[in-house]
């Protein structure tokens, strides 16, 4: 069985390229962050990534689960327009699978799903964050998958909120009596306390495979590349066959692929 995790990048107009790449990669399970689901025909094509991905992959991936984090029509700082979606859009995490779900839920652990009207204090306060908790039936064997896009901090060293995030994951997934994979863009440096908490309960594929970067070279007003932000963690019931970070430039993050048996 294999899983790919990728932040598709909400600010990028790349949904078609991402969908084509994922179709060629042909993993059993796909976990995507920053996917947008539109509700009105007026929404810009750039912010219809879920529909583009569904159109390309639904014939191969018969099971899917979208976990929204927020909903709005535009990103504004007070009266200043930063990005106008030109219609109502949800952003969230998206799982597609070739194998059926036995259970699926979206658990908010920081703030709540809400209508995001003013983003002025986003860098300090962030928006709602949730983890998808999905159990997949893989040929009669259950695999539990946690999928998230973690709380953002400027220096990627985290704070008391990311410590609570890691503890939430450990509390909810750490004692599971079945194979567990935790994947996503954690927005955290490998040396920070919050990643250390995860390392105490799970195997960290980034650490074990000596990965130095999960993002290509770039720099903008929010982030920069050539660093680790993305992770896959597993428990001791997952028999890892291989792990790699693929330097595919379809987003401002690289895809992470885990190959394993259970």
Protein backbone atom coordinates (compact mmCIF):
# COMPACT_ATOMS: atom_id res chain seq x y z
CA UNK A 1 0.00 0.00 0.00
CA UNK A 2 1.21 3.53 -0.61
CA UNK A 3 0.17 7.03 0.39
CA UNK A 4 1.11 10.40 -1.08
CA UNK A 5 0.80 13.66 0.86
CA UNK A 6 0.97 17.05 -0.87
CA UNK A 7 0.09 20.66 -0.10
CA UNK A 8 -1.27 21.85 -3.44
CA UNK A 9 -0.85 25.58 -2.61
CA UNK A 10 -4.03 27.66 -2.56
CA UNK A 11 -2.25 30.69 -4.06
CA UNK A 12 -1.08 28.72 -7.10
CA UNK A 13 -3.06 28.17 -10.30
CA UNK A 14 -1.87 24.58 -10.63
CA UNK A 15 -4.82 22.22 -10.12
CA UNK A 16 -4.61 20.68 -13.60
CA UNK A 17 -0.87 20.01 -13.24
CA UNK A 18 -1.38 18.51 -9.77
CA UNK A 19 -4.22 16.27 -10.99
CA UNK A 20 -2.17 15.04 -13.97
CA UNK A 21 0.82 14.33 -11.75
CA UNK A 22 -1.22 12.43 -9.16
CA UNK A 23 -2.89 10.34 -11.86
CA UNK A 24 0.52 9.32 -13.20
CA UNK A 25 1.85 8.64 -9.69
CA UNK A 26 -1.10 6.29 -9.09
CA UNK A 27 -0.83 5.87 -5.30
CA UNK A 28 -3.48 3.95 -3.35
CA UNK A 29 -4.34 6.92 -1.12
CA UNK A 30 -3.92 10.65 -1.81
CA UNK A 31 -3.84 13.26 0.99
CA UNK A 32 -3.99 16.89 -0.13
CA UNK A 33 -3.85 20.14 1.82
CA UNK A 34 -5.12 23.61 0.77
CA UNK A 35 -7.78 22.24 -1.57
CA UNK A 36 -10.61 24.63 -2.47
CA UNK A 37 -14.26 23.67 -2.99
CA UNK A 38 -16.35 26.33 -4.75
CA UNK A 39 -20.08 26.88 -4.28
CA UNK A 40 -20.86 29.48 -6.95
CA UNK A 41 -20.29 29.60 -10.70
CA UNK A 42 -18.74 33.05 -10.30
CA UNK A 43 -15.68 31.68 -8.41
CA UNK A 44 -12.38 32.09 -10.29
CA UNK A 45 -11.10 28.96 -12.01
CA UNK A 46 -7.96 29.16 -9.86
CA UNK A 47 -10.01 28.36 -6.75
CA UNK A 48 -11.84 25.27 -8.02
CA UNK A 49 -9.10 22.76 -7.30
CA UNK A 50 -11.37 20.09 -5.77
CA UNK A 51 -13.54 20.00 -8.88
CA UNK A 52 -10.52 19.81 -11.20
CA UNK A 53 -9.00 16.98 -9.14
CA UNK A 54 -12.32 15.12 -8.96
CA UNK A 55 -12.85 15.38 -12.73
CA UNK A 56 -9.40 13.87 -13.35
CA UNK A 57 -9.28 11.20 -10.63
CA UNK A 58 -12.80 10.12 -9.62
CA UNK A 59 -12.81 7.18 -12.04
CA UNK A 60 -9.72 5.75 -10.29
CA UNK A 61 -10.42 6.84 -6.72
CA UNK A 62 -13.92 5.72 -5.77
CA UNK A 63 -13.79 7.01 -2.19
CA UNK A 64 -13.15 10.54 -0.99
CA UNK A 65 -13.56 12.73 2.09
CA UNK A 66 -13.19 16.51 2.27
CA UNK A 67 -12.54 18.22 5.62
CA UNK A 68 -13.13 22.00 5.42
CA UNK A 69 -11.28 24.44 7.68
CA UNK A 70 -12.91 27.75 6.72
CA UNK A 71 -15.27 29.37 4.25
CA UNK A 72 -15.35 32.89 2.76
CA UNK A 73 -15.66 34.95 -0.43
CA UNK A 74 -12.39 36.87 -0.12
CA UNK A 75 -9.29 37.37 2.00
CA UNK A 76 -9.28 40.91 3.40
CA UNK A 77 -7.14 42.85 5.84
CA UNK A 78 -9.73 45.26 7.15
CA UNK A 79 -10.90 47.14 4.05
CA UNK A 80 -7.90 46.04 1.97
CA UNK A 81 -8.58 43.28 -0.53
CA UNK A 82 -5.82 40.65 -0.59
CA UNK A 83 -7.53 37.96 -2.67
CA UNK A 84 -11.02 38.01 -4.13
CA UNK A 85 -12.38 34.53 -4.84
CA UNK A 86 -15.42 36.14 -6.54
CA UNK A 87 -17.73 33.72 -4.80
CA UNK A 88 -18.03 31.41 -1.81
CA UNK A 89 -15.11 29.02 -1.32
CA UNK A 90 -14.16 26.44 1.30
CA UNK A 91 -10.54 25.51 1.93
CA UNK A 92 -9.56 22.26 3.55
CA UNK A 93 -7.90 18.86 3.53
CA UNK A 94 -8.88 16.18 1.03
CA UNK A 95 -8.40 12.41 1.00
CA UNK A 96 -8.97 10.22 -2.06
CA UNK A 97 -8.69 6.43 -1.85
CA UNK A 98 -8.92 3.35 -4.03
CA UNK A 99 -10.11 1.46 -0.95
CA UNK A 100 -13.32 2.03 1.06
CA UNK A 101 -13.60 3.99 4.29
CA UNK A 102 -14.81 2.24 7.41
CA UNK A 103 -15.00 5.52 9.34
CA UNK A 104 -14.28 9.16 8.54
CA UNK A 105 -14.48 12.30 10.64
CA UNK A 106 -13.04 15.82 10.69
CA UNK A 107 -11.93 16.89 14.18
CA UNK A 108 -11.23 20.57 14.84
CA UNK A 109 -8.62 20.95 17.56
CA UNK A 110 -7.90 24.68 17.14
CA UNK A 111 -10.76 27.18 16.77
CA UNK A 112 -13.76 26.07 14.71
CA UNK A 113 -14.98 25.89 11.12
CA UNK A 114 -16.19 29.42 10.48
CA UNK A 115 -16.90 32.20 8.01
CA UNK A 116 -13.55 34.00 7.78
CA UNK A 117 -14.28 37.67 7.19
CA UNK A 118 -11.16 39.54 8.32
CA UNK A 119 -7.65 38.09 7.93
CA UNK A 120 -5.74 41.08 9.37
CA UNK A 121 -4.43 39.12 12.38
CA UNK A 122 -3.97 35.79 10.57
CA UNK A 123 -0.20 35.58 11.15
CA UNK A 124 -0.72 35.90 14.89
CA UNK A 125 -4.02 34.07 15.38
CA UNK A 126 -4.30 31.67 12.39
CA UNK A 127 -7.62 30.12 11.32
CA UNK A 128 -9.37 26.94 12.40
CA UNK A 129 -7.36 23.73 12.14
CA UNK A 130 -8.60 20.13 12.02
CA UNK A 131 -7.31 16.61 11.53
CA UNK A 132 -9.10 14.10 9.34
CA UNK A 133 -9.42 10.75 11.12
CA UNK A 134 -10.12 8.06 8.53
CA UNK A 135 -10.02 4.27 8.82
CA UNK A 136 -9.47 2.53 5.47
CA UNK A 137 -10.35 -1.08 4.64
CA UNK A 138 -7.28 -2.37 2.81
CA UNK A 139 -8.26 -5.85 1.57
CA UNK A 140 -9.82 -6.76 4.89
CA UNK A 141 -7.20 -5.03 7.05
CA UNK A 142 -7.81 -1.68 8.74
CA UNK A 143 -5.41 1.25 8.46
CA UNK A 144 -6.04 4.43 10.43
CA UNK A 145 -5.00 7.67 8.77
CA UNK A 146 -4.62 11.09 10.37
CA UNK A 147 -4.36 13.95 7.88
CA UNK A 148 -3.82 17.60 8.75
CA UNK A 149 -2.49 21.00 7.78
CA UNK A 150 -0.93 22.28 10.98
CA UNK A 151 -1.02 25.62 12.79
CA UNK A 152 1.17 28.27 11.15
CA UNK A 153 3.93 30.18 12.98
CA UNK A 154 6.33 32.63 11.33
CA UNK A 155 9.57 30.92 12.40
CA UNK A 156 8.19 27.36 12.09
CA UNK A 157 9.35 26.67 15.65
CA UNK A 158 5.80 26.46 16.92
CA UNK A 159 4.32 27.66 20.21
CA UNK A 160 1.89 26.49 22.90
CA UNK A 161 -0.77 25.94 20.21
CA UNK A 162 1.39 23.53 18.18
CA UNK A 163 2.42 21.74 21.36
CA UNK A 164 -1.30 21.23 22.07
CA UNK A 165 -1.77 20.11 18.45
CA UNK A 166 0.89 17.40 18.82
CA UNK A 167 -0.53 16.31 22.16
CA UNK A 168 -4.01 16.09 20.61
CA UNK A 169 -2.63 13.76 17.93
CA UNK A 170 -0.80 11.61 20.47
CA UNK A 171 -3.87 11.40 22.70
CA UNK A 172 -6.19 10.43 19.83
CA UNK A 173 -3.92 8.22 17.70
CA UNK A 174 -1.04 7.14 19.93
CA UNK A 175 -2.76 4.20 21.60
CA UNK A 176 -4.52 2.79 18.55
CA UNK A 177 -4.36 -0.99 18.24
CA UNK A 178 -4.01 -0.98 14.46
CA UNK A 179 -1.59 0.48 11.88
CA UNK A 180 -1.55 4.31 12.01
CA UNK A 181 -0.14 6.88 9.58
CA UNK A 182 -0.16 10.62 10.36
CA UNK A 183 0.53 12.78 7.30
CA UNK A 184 0.44 16.41 6.22
CA UNK A 185 1.99 19.85 6.17
CA UNK A 186 2.76 20.48 9.84
CA UNK A 187 4.32 23.94 9.27
CA UNK A 188 7.03 22.95 11.77
CA UNK A 189 10.82 22.72 11.83
CA UNK A 190 12.19 19.25 12.71
CA UNK A 191 14.05 20.65 15.74
CA UNK A 192 11.03 22.16 17.50
CA UNK A 193 9.35 20.85 20.65
CA UNK A 194 6.10 20.02 18.86
CA UNK A 195 7.82 17.62 16.45
CA UNK A 196 9.71 16.16 19.41
CA UNK A 197 6.39 15.24 21.01
CA UNK A 198 5.38 13.41 17.85
CA UNK A 199 8.75 11.63 17.75
CA UNK A 200 8.07 10.29 21.24
CA UNK A 201 5.06 8.28 20.05
CA UNK A 202 5.61 7.67 16.34
CA UNK A 203 8.35 6.91 13.84
CA UNK A 204 9.26 10.06 11.93
CA UNK A 205 10.00 9.22 8.28
CA UNK A 206 11.64 12.61 7.69
CA UNK A 207 14.10 11.88 10.50
CA UNK A 208 14.70 8.23 9.64
CA UNK A 209 15.41 8.95 5.97
CA UNK A 210 17.50 12.07 6.60
CA UNK A 211 15.31 14.40 4.52
CA UNK A 212 16.65 17.97 4.38
CA UNK A 213 13.81 19.72 2.50
CA UNK A 214 10.19 19.10 1.58
CA UNK A 215 9.85 22.37 -0.33
CA UNK A 216 11.53 23.69 -3.48
CA UNK A 217 13.57 26.88 -3.56
CA UNK A 218 11.34 29.98 -3.32
CA UNK A 219 10.60 32.93 -1.08
CA UNK A 220 7.50 35.10 -0.79
CA UNK A 221 5.87 37.36 1.77
CA UNK A 222 4.70 34.40 3.88
CA UNK A 223 7.11 31.47 3.48
CA UNK A 224 10.36 30.27 1.97
CA UNK A 225 11.56 26.93 0.64
CA UNK A 226 14.49 24.54 1.00
CA UNK A 227 13.26 23.48 4.43
CA UNK A 228 11.18 20.74 6.04
CA UNK A 229 7.52 21.56 6.73
CA UNK A 230 5.86 18.28 5.75
CA UNK A 231 5.90 14.94 7.57
CA UNK A 232 4.74 11.35 7.65
CA UNK A 233 4.67 9.58 11.01
CA UNK A 234 3.76 5.92 11.59
CA UNK A 235 3.29 3.63 14.56
CA UNK A 236 5.10 0.34 15.11
CA UNK A 237 2.37 -1.69 13.40
CA UNK A 238 3.25 -0.19 10.03
CA UNK A 239 5.94 -2.14 8.16
CA UNK A 240 7.70 0.55 6.13
CA UNK A 241 9.00 -0.60 2.75
CA UNK A 242 10.15 2.79 1.51
CA UNK A 243 9.77 6.54 1.85
CA UNK A 244 10.76 9.37 -0.45
CA UNK A 245 10.27 13.06 -1.08
CA UNK A 246 9.76 13.53 -4.82
CA UNK A 247 11.21 16.71 -6.30
CA UNK A 248 8.20 17.32 -8.53
CA UNK A 249 7.64 21.04 -9.06
CA UNK A 250 3.85 20.98 -9.23
CA UNK A 251 3.41 23.03 -6.04
CA UNK A 252 5.38 25.01 -3.47
CA UNK A 253 5.68 21.73 -1.55
CA UNK A 254 7.10 18.40 -2.69
CA UNK A 255 5.00 15.20 -2.60
CA UNK A 256 5.86 12.75 0.21
CA UNK A 257 5.29 9.06 -0.61
CA UNK A 258 5.18 6.21 1.91
CA UNK A 259 5.19 2.57 0.75
CA UNK A 260 4.26 0.05 3.46
CA UNK A 261 2.72 -3.26 4.45
CA UNK A 262 0.44 -4.03 7.41
